[in-house]
Amino acid sequence: MTIKWVQTDPLVMNGEPFCYGSRVTVRQLLDMRRSGLALVEILTRHPELRRVGIAQAYVYAAAHPDLYAEFIEADGSLAGPGYTPDEAAGLPEQLQAPGVVVTAPA
């Protein structure tokens, strides 16, 4: 079975895109990220989420800048800390987009 990590349903969360198996919307995840929460903190607060699902939500947001413009920096990346290279290890390659998921090494 292939899981669609970001789902939309007009009868769920007022049609706002949300993460599979949760009541957490893409917008809520972006707000947490912009507020400075790292992956570990988000997963601690929302254990129903999965690492790959959060990554897919970030990719979804980057692909829909019209919906999430307030979370996108001038350089096109999402605001806030993304995945570190260690956290991104093992994710499918399409989810390791620079400026979206993986934080560039300092």
PDB file of N, CA and C in Angstrom:
ATOM      1  N   MET A   1       0.827  -1.178   0.000  1.00  0.00           N
ATOM      2  CA  MET A   1       0.000   0.000   0.000  1.00  0.00           C
ATOM      3  C   MET A   1       0.877   1.249   0.000  1.00  0.00           C
ATOM      4  N   THR A   2       0.580   2.182  -0.869  1.00  0.00           N
ATOM      5  CA  THR A   2       1.276   3.458  -0.910  1.00  0.00           C
ATOM      6  C   THR A   2       0.476   4.473  -0.117  1.00  0.00           C
ATOM      7  N   ILE A   3       1.148   5.146   0.789  1.00  0.00           N
ATOM      8  CA  ILE A   3       0.480   6.130   1.631  1.00  0.00           C
ATOM      9  C   ILE A   3       0.612   7.505   0.989  1.00  0.00           C
ATOM     10  N   LYS A   4      -0.484   8.209   0.893  1.00  0.00           N
ATOM     11  CA  LYS A   4      -0.474   9.605   0.469  1.00  0.00           C
ATOM     12  C   LYS A   4      -0.342  10.428   1.751  1.00  0.00           C
ATOM     13  N   TRP A   5       0.850  10.927   2.017  1.00  0.00           N
ATOM     14  CA  TRP A   5       1.161  11.552   3.293  1.00  0.00           C
ATOM     15  C   TRP A   5       0.434  12.873   3.520  1.00  0.00           C
ATOM     16  N   VAL A   6       0.193  13.614   2.438  1.00  0.00           N
ATOM     17  CA  VAL A   6      -0.571  14.854   2.564  1.00  0.00           C
ATOM     18  C   VAL A   6      -1.903  14.625   1.871  1.00  0.00           C
ATOM     19  N   GLN A   7      -2.975  14.842   2.618  1.00  0.00           N
ATOM     20  CA  GLN A   7      -4.304  14.579   2.089  1.00  0.00           C
ATOM     21  C   GLN A   7      -5.174  15.824   2.194  1.00  0.00           C
ATOM     22  N   THR A   8      -6.153  15.899   1.311  1.00  0.00           N
ATOM     23  CA  THR A   8      -7.144  16.956   1.395  1.00  0.00           C
ATOM     24  C   THR A   8      -8.522  16.321   1.277  1.00  0.00           C
ATOM     25  N   ASP A   9      -9.414  16.822   2.078  1.00  0.00           N
ATOM     26  CA  ASP A   9     -10.784  16.335   2.079  1.00  0.00           C
ATOM     27  C   ASP A   9     -11.650  17.497   2.541  1.00  0.00           C
ATOM     28  N   PRO A  10     -12.630  17.904   1.746  1.00  0.00           N
ATOM     29  CA  PRO A  10     -13.445  19.043   2.146  1.00  0.00           C
ATOM     30  C   PRO A  10     -14.196  18.827   3.463  1.00  0.00           C
ATOM     31  N   LEU A  11     -14.324  17.576   3.887  1.00  0.00           N
ATOM     32  CA  LEU A  11     -15.032  17.279   5.131  1.00  0.00           C
ATOM     33  C   LEU A  11     -14.105  17.146   6.342  1.00  0.00           C
ATOM     34  N   VAL A  12     -12.793  17.263   6.112  1.00  0.00           N
ATOM     35  CA  VAL A  12     -11.809  17.130   7.197  1.00  0.00           C
ATOM     36  C   VAL A  12     -10.987  18.412   7.268  1.00  0.00           C
ATOM     37  N   MET A  13     -10.888  18.979   8.427  1.00  0.00           N
ATOM     38  CA  MET A  13     -10.082  20.176   8.674  1.00  0.00           C
ATOM     39  C   MET A  13     -10.454  21.321   7.723  1.00  0.00           C
ATOM     40  N   ASN A  14     -11.741  21.423   7.408  1.00  0.00           N
ATOM     41  CA  ASN A  14     -12.248  22.481   6.514  1.00  0.00           C
ATOM     42  C   ASN A  14     -11.543  22.494   5.161  1.00  0.00           C
ATOM     43  N   GLY A  15     -11.091  21.344   4.714  1.00  0.00           N
ATOM     44  CA  GLY A  15     -10.449  21.244   3.410  1.00  0.00           C
ATOM     45  C   GLY A  15      -8.979  21.602   3.399  1.00  0.00           C
ATOM     46  N   GLU A  16      -8.437  21.993   4.537  1.00  0.00           N
ATOM     47  CA  GLU A  16      -7.012  22.340   4.637  1.00  0.00           C
ATOM     48  C   GLU A  16      -6.177  21.064   4.496  1.00  0.00           C
ATOM     49  N   PRO A  17      -5.121  21.076   3.666  1.00  0.00           N
ATOM     50  CA  PRO A  17      -4.264  19.886   3.546  1.00  0.00           C
ATOM     51  C   PRO A  17      -3.714  19.477   4.915  1.00  0.00           C
ATOM     52  N   PHE A  18      -3.767  18.179   5.194  1.00  0.00           N
ATOM     53  CA  PHE A  18      -3.345  17.668   6.495  1.00  0.00           C
ATOM     54  C   PHE A  18      -2.472  16.427   6.321  1.00  0.00           C
ATOM     55  N   CYS A  19      -1.812  16.044   7.395  1.00  0.00           N
ATOM     56  CA  CYS A  19      -0.915  14.891   7.382  1.00  0.00           C
ATOM     57  C   CYS A  19      -1.679  13.610   7.677  1.00  0.00           C
ATOM     58  N   TYR A  20      -1.398  12.597   6.891  1.00  0.00           N
ATOM     59  CA  TYR A  20      -2.023  11.279   7.029  1.00  0.00           C
ATOM     60  C   TYR A  20      -1.973  10.803   8.474  1.00  0.00           C
ATOM     61  N   GLY A  21      -3.089  10.304   8.967  1.00  0.00           N
ATOM     62  CA  GLY A  21      -3.150   9.713  10.304  1.00  0.00           C
ATOM     63  C   GLY A  21      -3.147  10.713  11.436  1.00  0.00           C
ATOM     64  N   SER A  22      -3.382  11.992  11.116  1.00  0.00           N
ATOM     65  CA  SER A  22      -3.349  13.000  12.171  1.00  0.00           C
ATOM     66  C   SER A  22      -4.389  14.078  11.903  1.00  0.00           C
ATOM     67  N   ARG A  23      -4.461  15.010  12.819  1.00  0.00           N
ATOM     68  CA  ARG A  23      -5.303  16.197  12.647  1.00  0.00           C
ATOM     69  C   ARG A  23      -4.386  17.420  12.566  1.00  0.00           C
ATOM     70  N   VAL A  24      -3.170  17.215  12.102  1.00  0.00           N
ATOM     71  CA  VAL A  24      -2.193  18.284  11.974  1.00  0.00           C
ATOM     72  C   VAL A  24      -2.156  18.717  10.511  1.00  0.00           C
ATOM     73  N   THR A  25      -2.383  20.006  10.285  1.00  0.00           N
ATOM     74  CA  THR A  25      -2.384  20.510   8.918  1.00  0.00           C
ATOM     75  C   THR A  25      -0.969  20.888   8.477  1.00  0.00           C
ATOM     76  N   VAL A  26      -0.805  21.009   7.179  1.00  0.00           N
ATOM     77  CA  VAL A  26       0.471  21.464   6.627  1.00  0.00           C
ATOM     78  C   VAL A  26       0.778  22.854   7.180  1.00  0.00           C
ATOM     79  N   ARG A  27      -0.207  23.709   7.243  1.00  0.00           N
ATOM     80  CA  ARG A  27      -0.020  25.069   7.766  1.00  0.00           C
ATOM     81  C   ARG A  27       0.464  25.032   9.224  1.00  0.00           C
ATOM     82  N   GLN A  28      -0.085  24.145  10.044  1.00  0.00           N
ATOM     83  CA  GLN A  28       0.360  24.031  11.438  1.00  0.00           C
ATOM     84  C   GLN A  28       1.820  23.582  11.506  1.00  0.00           C
ATOM     85  N   LEU A  29       2.198  22.638  10.650  1.00  0.00           N
ATOM     86  CA  LEU A  29       3.597  22.194  10.623  1.00  0.00           C
ATOM     87  C   LEU A  29       4.528  23.331  10.220  1.00  0.00           C
ATOM     88  N   LEU A  30       4.122  24.092   9.214  1.00  0.00           N
ATOM     89  CA  LEU A  30       4.952  25.219   8.785  1.00  0.00           C
ATOM     90  C   LEU A  30       5.067  26.272   9.879  1.00  0.00           C
ATOM     91  N   ASP A  31       4.004  26.488  10.609  1.00  0.00           N
ATOM     92  CA  ASP A  31       4.037  27.443  11.708  1.00  0.00           C
ATOM     93  C   ASP A  31       4.984  26.963  12.810  1.00  0.00           C
ATOM     94  N   MET A  32       4.952  25.670  13.108  1.00  0.00           N
ATOM     95  CA  MET A  32       5.873  25.116  14.112  1.00  0.00           C
ATOM     96  C   MET A  32       7.315  25.285  13.647  1.00  0.00           C
ATOM     97  N   ARG A  33       7.551  24.994  12.354  1.00  0.00           N
ATOM     98  CA  ARG A  33       8.904  25.114  11.812  1.00  0.00           C
ATOM     99  C   ARG A  33       9.367  26.565  11.868  1.00  0.00           C
ATOM    100  N   ARG A  34       8.505  27.494  11.438  1.00  0.00           N
ATOM    101  CA  ARG A  34       8.859  28.919  11.441  1.00  0.00           C
ATOM    102  C   ARG A  34       9.119  29.408  12.860  1.00  0.00           C
ATOM    103  N   SER A  35       8.434  28.807  13.841  1.00  0.00           N
ATOM    104  CA  SER A  35       8.628  29.177  15.248  1.00  0.00           C
ATOM    105  C   SER A  35       9.926  28.628  15.818  1.00  0.00           C
ATOM    106  N   GLY A  36      10.645  27.842  15.021  1.00  0.00           N
ATOM    107  CA  GLY A  36      11.947  27.348  15.450  1.00  0.00           C
ATOM    108  C   GLY A  36      11.972  25.914  15.934  1.00  0.00           C
ATOM    109  N   LEU A  37      10.838  25.213  15.878  1.00  0.00           N
ATOM    110  CA  LEU A  37      10.826  23.817  16.329  1.00  0.00           C
ATOM    111  C   LEU A  37      11.552  22.926  15.331  1.00  0.00           C
ATOM    112  N   ALA A  38      12.448  22.128  15.839  1.00  0.00           N
ATOM    113  CA  ALA A  38      13.170  21.162  15.021  1.00  0.00           C
ATOM    114  C   ALA A  38      12.335  19.885  14.892  1.00  0.00           C
ATOM    115  N   LEU A  39      12.760  19.007  14.022  1.00  0.00           N
ATOM    116  CA  LEU A  39      12.042  17.762  13.760  1.00  0.00           C
ATOM    117  C   LEU A  39      11.760  16.984  15.043  1.00  0.00           C
ATOM    118  N   VAL A  40      12.751  16.826  15.897  1.00  0.00           N
ATOM    119  CA  VAL A  40      12.588  16.048  17.131  1.00  0.00           C
ATOM    120  C   VAL A  40      11.501  16.654  18.009  1.00  0.00           C
ATOM    121  N   GLU A  41      11.468  17.968  18.107  1.00  0.00           N
ATOM    122  CA  GLU A  41      10.452  18.633  18.935  1.00  0.00           C
ATOM    123  C   GLU A  41       9.051  18.440  18.358  1.00  0.00           C
ATOM    124  N   ILE A  42       8.939  18.514  17.036  1.00  0.00           N
ATOM    125  CA  ILE A  42       7.629  18.311  16.403  1.00  0.00           C
ATOM    126  C   ILE A  42       7.149  16.886  16.638  1.00  0.00           C
ATOM    127  N   LEU A  43       8.045  15.912  16.459  1.00  0.00           N
ATOM    128  CA  LEU A  43       7.669  14.507  16.670  1.00  0.00           C
ATOM    129  C   LEU A  43       7.339  14.217  18.127  1.00  0.00           C
ATOM    130  N   THR A  44       7.985  14.902  19.047  1.00  0.00           N
ATOM    131  CA  THR A  44       7.689  14.726  20.472  1.00  0.00           C
ATOM    132  C   THR A  44       6.291  15.253  20.797  1.00  0.00           C
ATOM    133  N   ARG A  45       5.957  16.384  20.222  1.00  0.00           N
ATOM    134  CA  ARG A  45       4.634  16.981  20.464  1.00  0.00           C
ATOM    135  C   ARG A  45       3.515  16.248  19.731  1.00  0.00           C
ATOM    136  N   HIS A  46       3.862  15.635  18.609  1.00  0.00           N
ATOM    137  CA  HIS A  46       2.859  14.953  17.776  1.00  0.00           C
ATOM    138  C   HIS A  46       3.371  13.566  17.380  1.00  0.00           C
ATOM    139  N   PRO A  47       3.341  12.617  18.300  1.00  0.00           N
ATOM    140  CA  PRO A  47       3.884  11.280  18.011  1.00  0.00           C
ATOM    141  C   PRO A  47       3.124  10.530  16.920  1.00  0.00           C
ATOM    142  N   GLU A  48       1.942  11.011  16.545  1.00  0.00           N
ATOM    143  CA  GLU A  48       1.198  10.365  15.471  1.00  0.00           C
ATOM    144  C   GLU A  48       1.805  10.670  14.094  1.00  0.00           C
ATOM    145  N   LEU A  49       2.664  11.688  14.028  1.00  0.00           N
ATOM    146  CA  LEU A  49       3.317  12.034  12.761  1.00  0.00           C
ATOM    147  C   LEU A  49       4.513  11.127  12.505  1.00  0.00           C
ATOM    148  N   ARG A  50       4.923  11.076  11.257  1.00  0.00           N
ATOM    149  CA  ARG A  50       6.094  10.300  10.855  1.00  0.00           C
ATOM    150  C   ARG A  50       7.078  11.235  10.158  1.00  0.00           C
ATOM    151  N   ARG A  51       8.343  10.890  10.247  1.00  0.00           N
ATOM    152  CA  ARG A  51       9.415  11.692   9.650  1.00  0.00           C
ATOM    153  C   ARG A  51       9.169  11.933   8.167  1.00  0.00           C
ATOM    154  N   VAL A  52       8.802  10.888   7.439  1.00  0.00           N
ATOM    155  CA  VAL A  52       8.573  11.013   5.999  1.00  0.00           C
ATOM    156  C   VAL A  52       7.321  11.846   5.722  1.00  0.00           C
ATOM    157  N   GLY A  53       6.324  11.768   6.574  1.00  0.00           N
ATOM    158  CA  GLY A  53       5.114  12.555   6.398  1.00  0.00           C
ATOM    159  C   GLY A  53       5.358  14.048   6.566  1.00  0.00           C
ATOM    160  N   ILE A  54       6.175  14.399   7.542  1.00  0.00           N
ATOM    161  CA  ILE A  54       6.526  15.804   7.751  1.00  0.00           C
ATOM    162  C   ILE A  54       7.317  16.315   6.550  1.00  0.00           C
ATOM    163  N   ALA A  55       8.269  15.522   6.086  1.00  0.00           N
ATOM    164  CA  ALA A  55       9.054  15.913   4.913  1.00  0.00           C
ATOM    165  C   ALA A  55       8.148  16.122   3.706  1.00  0.00           C
ATOM    166  N   GLN A  56       7.190  15.233   3.520  1.00  0.00           N
ATOM    167  CA  GLN A  56       6.262  15.365   2.394  1.00  0.00           C
ATOM    168  C   GLN A  56       5.410  16.624   2.540  1.00  0.00           C
ATOM    169  N   ALA A  57       5.036  16.972   3.760  1.00  0.00           N
ATOM    170  CA  ALA A  57       4.273  18.199   3.988  1.00  0.00           C
ATOM    171  C   ALA A  57       5.093  19.427   3.607  1.00  0.00           C
ATOM    172  N   TYR A  58       6.383  19.430   3.926  1.00  0.00           N
ATOM    173  CA  TYR A  58       7.247  20.547   3.550  1.00  0.00           C
ATOM    174  C   TYR A  58       7.371  20.648   2.033  1.00  0.00           C
ATOM    175  N   VAL A  59       7.536  19.515   1.377  1.00  0.00           N
ATOM    176  CA  VAL A  59       7.637  19.506  -0.085  1.00  0.00           C
ATOM    177  C   VAL A  59       6.319  19.988  -0.699  1.00  0.00           C
ATOM    178  N   TYR A  60       5.217  19.545  -0.143  1.00  0.00           N
ATOM    179  CA  TYR A  60       3.895  19.973  -0.617  1.00  0.00           C
ATOM    180  C   TYR A  60       3.776  21.495  -0.504  1.00  0.00           C
ATOM    181  N   ALA A  61       4.171  22.051   0.626  1.00  0.00           N
ATOM    182  CA  ALA A  61       4.079  23.499   0.831  1.00  0.00           C
ATOM    183  C   ALA A  61       4.953  24.253  -0.169  1.00  0.00           C
ATOM    184  N   ALA A  62       6.151  23.768  -0.398  1.00  0.00           N
ATOM    185  CA  ALA A  62       7.046  24.427  -1.346  1.00  0.00           C
ATOM    186  C   ALA A  62       6.489  24.383  -2.765  1.00  0.00           C
ATOM    187  N   ALA A  63       5.738  23.335  -3.071  1.00  0.00           N
ATOM    188  CA  ALA A  63       5.142  23.188  -4.401  1.00  0.00           C
ATOM    189  C   ALA A  63       3.873  24.020  -4.557  1.00  0.00           C
ATOM    190  N   HIS A  64       3.370  24.574  -3.467  1.00  0.00           N
ATOM    191  CA  HIS A  64       2.148  25.382  -3.488  1.00  0.00           C
ATOM    192  C   HIS A  64       2.406  26.751  -2.841  1.00  0.00           C
ATOM    193  N   PRO A  65       3.322  27.531  -3.428  1.00  0.00           N
ATOM    194  CA  PRO A  65       3.662  28.822  -2.813  1.00  0.00           C
ATOM    195  C   PRO A  65       2.492  29.794  -2.747  1.00  0.00           C
ATOM    196  N   ASP A  66       1.497  29.606  -3.592  1.00  0.00           N
ATOM    197  CA  ASP A  66       0.328  30.474  -3.546  1.00  0.00           C
ATOM    198  C   ASP A  66      -0.466  30.279  -2.250  1.00  0.00           C
ATOM    199  N   LEU A  67      -0.447  29.062  -1.717  1.00  0.00           N
ATOM    200  CA  LEU A  67      -1.167  28.771  -0.477  1.00  0.00           C
ATOM    201  C   LEU A  67      -0.361  29.100   0.775  1.00  0.00           C
ATOM    202  N   TYR A  68       0.970  29.053   0.649  1.00  0.00           N
ATOM    203  CA  TYR A  68       1.831  29.156   1.834  1.00  0.00           C
ATOM    204  C   TYR A  68       2.883  30.261   1.706  1.00  0.00           C
ATOM    205  N   ALA A  69       2.542  31.343   1.008  1.00  0.00           N
ATOM    206  CA  ALA A  69       3.495  32.424   0.743  1.00  0.00           C
ATOM    207  C   ALA A  69       4.111  32.996   2.020  1.00  0.00           C
ATOM    208  N   GLU A  70       3.333  33.072   3.085  1.00  0.00           N
ATOM    209  CA  GLU A  70       3.858  33.667   4.322  1.00  0.00           C
ATOM    210  C   GLU A  70       4.941  32.819   4.988  1.00  0.00           C
ATOM    211  N   PHE A  71       5.125  31.583   4.544  1.00  0.00           N
ATOM    212  CA  PHE A  71       6.140  30.693   5.114  1.00  0.00           C
ATOM    213  C   PHE A  71       7.357  30.539   4.212  1.00  0.00           C
ATOM    214  N   ILE A  72       7.387  31.264   3.103  1.00  0.00           N
ATOM    215  CA  ILE A  72       8.467  31.105   2.130  1.00  0.00           C
ATOM    216  C   ILE A  72       9.371  32.328   2.167  1.00  0.00           C
ATOM    217  N   GLU A  73      10.665  32.071   2.343  1.00  0.00           N
ATOM    218  CA  GLU A  73      11.669  33.125   2.400  1.00  0.00           C
ATOM    219  C   GLU A  73      11.931  33.677   0.997  1.00  0.00           C
ATOM    220  N   ALA A  74      12.649  34.795   0.924  1.00  0.00           N
ATOM    221  CA  ALA A  74      12.957  35.427  -0.360  1.00  0.00           C
ATOM    222  C   ALA A  74      13.747  34.506  -1.292  1.00  0.00           C
ATOM    223  N   ASP A  75      14.565  33.617  -0.712  1.00  0.00           N
ATOM    224  CA  ASP A  75      15.361  32.702  -1.542  1.00  0.00           C
ATOM    225  C   ASP A  75      14.576  31.467  -1.989  1.00  0.00           C
ATOM    226  N   GLY A  76      13.298  31.388  -1.617  1.00  0.00           N
ATOM    227  CA  GLY A  76      12.452  30.269  -2.026  1.00  0.00           C
ATOM    228  C   GLY A  76      12.399  29.124  -1.037  1.00  0.00           C
ATOM    229  N   SER A  77      13.185  29.181   0.037  1.00  0.00           N
ATOM    230  CA  SER A  77      13.165  28.116   1.033  1.00  0.00           C
ATOM    231  C   SER A  77      12.073  28.383   2.064  1.00  0.00           C
ATOM    232  N   LEU A  78      11.726  27.352   2.799  1.00  0.00           N
ATOM    233  CA  LEU A  78      10.725  27.495   3.850  1.00  0.00           C
ATOM    234  C   LEU A  78      11.357  28.102   5.089  1.00  0.00           C
ATOM    235  N   ALA A  79      10.609  28.929   5.785  1.00  0.00           N
ATOM    236  CA  ALA A  79      11.102  29.584   6.991  1.00  0.00           C
ATOM    237  C   ALA A  79      11.293  28.565   8.109  1.00  0.00           C
ATOM    238  N   GLY A  80      12.355  28.752   8.870  1.00  0.00           N
ATOM    239  CA  GLY A  80      12.604  27.903  10.027  1.00  0.00           C
ATOM    240  C   GLY A  80      13.544  26.753   9.736  1.00  0.00           C
ATOM    241  N   PRO A  81      13.887  26.019  10.792  1.00  0.00           N
ATOM    242  CA  PRO A  81      14.848  24.918  10.628  1.00  0.00           C
ATOM    243  C   PRO A  81      14.231  23.737   9.883  1.00  0.00           C
ATOM    244  N   GLY A  82      14.961  23.244   8.918  1.00  0.00           N
ATOM    245  CA  GLY A  82      14.544  22.034   8.205  1.00  0.00           C
ATOM    246  C   GLY A  82      15.217  20.819   8.811  1.00  0.00           C
ATOM    247  N   TYR A  83      15.237  19.746   8.058  1.00  0.00           N
ATOM    248  CA  TYR A  83      15.907  18.531   8.504  1.00  0.00           C
ATOM    249  C   TYR A  83      17.413  18.728   8.401  1.00  0.00           C
ATOM    250  N   THR A  84      18.146  18.168   9.353  1.00  0.00           N
ATOM    251  CA  THR A  84      19.599  18.125   9.227  1.00  0.00           C
ATOM    252  C   THR A  84      19.933  16.998   8.253  1.00  0.00           C
ATOM    253  N   PRO A  85      21.155  16.965   7.727  1.00  0.00           N
ATOM    254  CA  PRO A  85      21.514  15.853   6.841  1.00  0.00           C
ATOM    255  C   PRO A  85      21.327  14.477   7.498  1.00  0.00           C
ATOM    256  N   ASP A  86      21.614  14.375   8.793  1.00  0.00           N
ATOM    257  CA  ASP A  86      21.419  13.095   9.494  1.00  0.00           C
ATOM    258  C   ASP A  86      19.939  12.729   9.576  1.00  0.00           C
ATOM    259  N   GLU A  87      19.088  13.706   9.857  1.00  0.00           N
ATOM    260  CA  GLU A  87      17.650  13.452   9.939  1.00  0.00           C
ATOM    261  C   GLU A  87      17.069  13.080   8.576  1.00  0.00           C
ATOM    262  N   ALA A  88      17.640  13.638   7.507  1.00  0.00           N
ATOM    263  CA  ALA A  88      17.145  13.366   6.157  1.00  0.00           C
ATOM    264  C   ALA A  88      17.656  12.051   5.596  1.00  0.00           C
ATOM    265  N   ALA A  89      18.683  11.487   6.215  1.00  0.00           N
ATOM    266  CA  ALA A  89      19.231  10.220   5.729  1.00  0.00           C
ATOM    267  C   ALA A  89      18.135   9.154   5.726  1.00  0.00           C
ATOM    268  N   GLY A  90      18.020   8.461   4.624  1.00  0.00           N
ATOM    269  CA  GLY A  90      17.020   7.410   4.518  1.00  0.00           C
ATOM    270  C   GLY A  90      15.699   7.860   3.926  1.00  0.00           C
ATOM    271  N   LEU A  91      15.492   9.176   3.828  1.00  0.00           N
ATOM    272  CA  LEU A  91      14.282   9.663   3.167  1.00  0.00           C
ATOM    273  C   LEU A  91      14.429   9.457   1.660  1.00  0.00           C
ATOM    274  N   PRO A  92      13.332   9.254   0.958  1.00  0.00           N
ATOM    275  CA  PRO A  92      13.420   9.184  -0.504  1.00  0.00           C
ATOM    276  C   PRO A  92      14.061  10.461  -1.052  1.00  0.00           C
ATOM    277  N   GLU A  93      14.802  10.324  -2.129  1.00  0.00           N
ATOM    278  CA  GLU A  93      15.568  11.442  -2.677  1.00  0.00           C
ATOM    279  C   GLU A  93      14.699  12.663  -2.996  1.00  0.00           C
ATOM    280  N   GLN A  94      13.483  12.444  -3.489  1.00  0.00           N
ATOM    281  CA  GLN A  94      12.623  13.574  -3.845  1.00  0.00           C
ATOM    282  C   GLN A  94      12.203  14.395  -2.626  1.00  0.00           C
ATOM    283  N   LEU A  95      12.389  13.854  -1.431  1.00  0.00           N
ATOM    284  CA  LEU A  95      12.047  14.581  -0.209  1.00  0.00           C
ATOM    285  C   LEU A  95      13.249  15.298   0.393  1.00  0.00           C
ATOM    286  N   GLN A  96      14.401  15.194  -0.255  1.00  0.00           N
ATOM    287  CA  GLN A  96      15.613  15.827   0.255  1.00  0.00           C
ATOM    288  C   GLN A  96      15.966  17.069  -0.529  1.00  0.00           C
ATOM    289  N   ALA A  97      14.966  17.824  -0.938  1.00  0.00           N
ATOM    290  CA  ALA A  97      15.165  19.027  -1.749  1.00  0.00           C
ATOM    291  C   ALA A  97      15.855  20.122  -0.950  1.00  0.00           C
ATOM    292  N   PRO A  98      16.944  20.675  -1.472  1.00  0.00           N
ATOM    293  CA  PRO A  98      17.626  21.773  -0.764  1.00  0.00           C
ATOM    294  C   PRO A  98      16.687  22.946  -0.555  1.00  0.00           C
ATOM    295  N   GLY A  99      16.781  23.567   0.606  1.00  0.00           N
ATOM    296  CA  GLY A  99      15.947  24.713   0.913  1.00  0.00           C
ATOM    297  C   GLY A  99      14.529  24.359   1.322  1.00  0.00           C
ATOM    298  N   VAL A 100      14.186  23.089   1.241  1.00  0.00           N
ATOM    299  CA  VAL A 100      12.853  22.649   1.632  1.00  0.00           C
ATOM    300  C   VAL A 100      12.945  21.786   2.857  1.00  0.00           C
ATOM    301  N   VAL A 101      13.696  20.699   2.762  1.00  0.00           N
ATOM    302  CA  VAL A 101      13.760  19.740   3.858  1.00  0.00           C
ATOM    303  C   VAL A 101      15.111  19.771   4.549  1.00  0.00           C
ATOM    304  N   VAL A 102      16.171  19.698   3.803  1.00  0.00           N
ATOM    305  CA  VAL A 102      17.489  19.531   4.387  1.00  0.00           C
ATOM    306  C   VAL A 102      18.128  20.886   4.674  1.00  0.00           C
ATOM    307  N   THR A 103      18.536  21.093   5.912  1.00  0.00           N
ATOM    308  CA  THR A 103      19.259  22.302   6.283  1.00  0.00           C
ATOM    309  C   THR A 103      20.680  22.201   5.739  1.00  0.00           C
ATOM    310  N   ALA A 104      21.090  23.209   5.023  1.00  0.00           N
ATOM    311  CA  ALA A 104      22.464  23.217   4.475  1.00  0.00           C
ATOM    312  C   ALA A 104      23.459  23.262   5.632  1.00  0.00           C
ATOM    313  N   PRO A 105      24.561  22.488   5.519  1.00  0.00           N
ATOM    314  CA  PRO A 105      25.573  22.522   6.570  1.00  0.00           C
ATOM    315  C   PRO A 105      26.156  23.935   6.718  1.00  0.00           C
ATOM    316  N   ALA A 106      26.425  24.324   7.952  1.00  0.00           N
ATOM    317  CA  ALA A 106      26.943  25.675   8.216  1.00  0.00           C
ATOM    318  C   ALA A 106      28.381  25.808   7.789  1.00  0.00           C
TER     319      ALA A 106
END
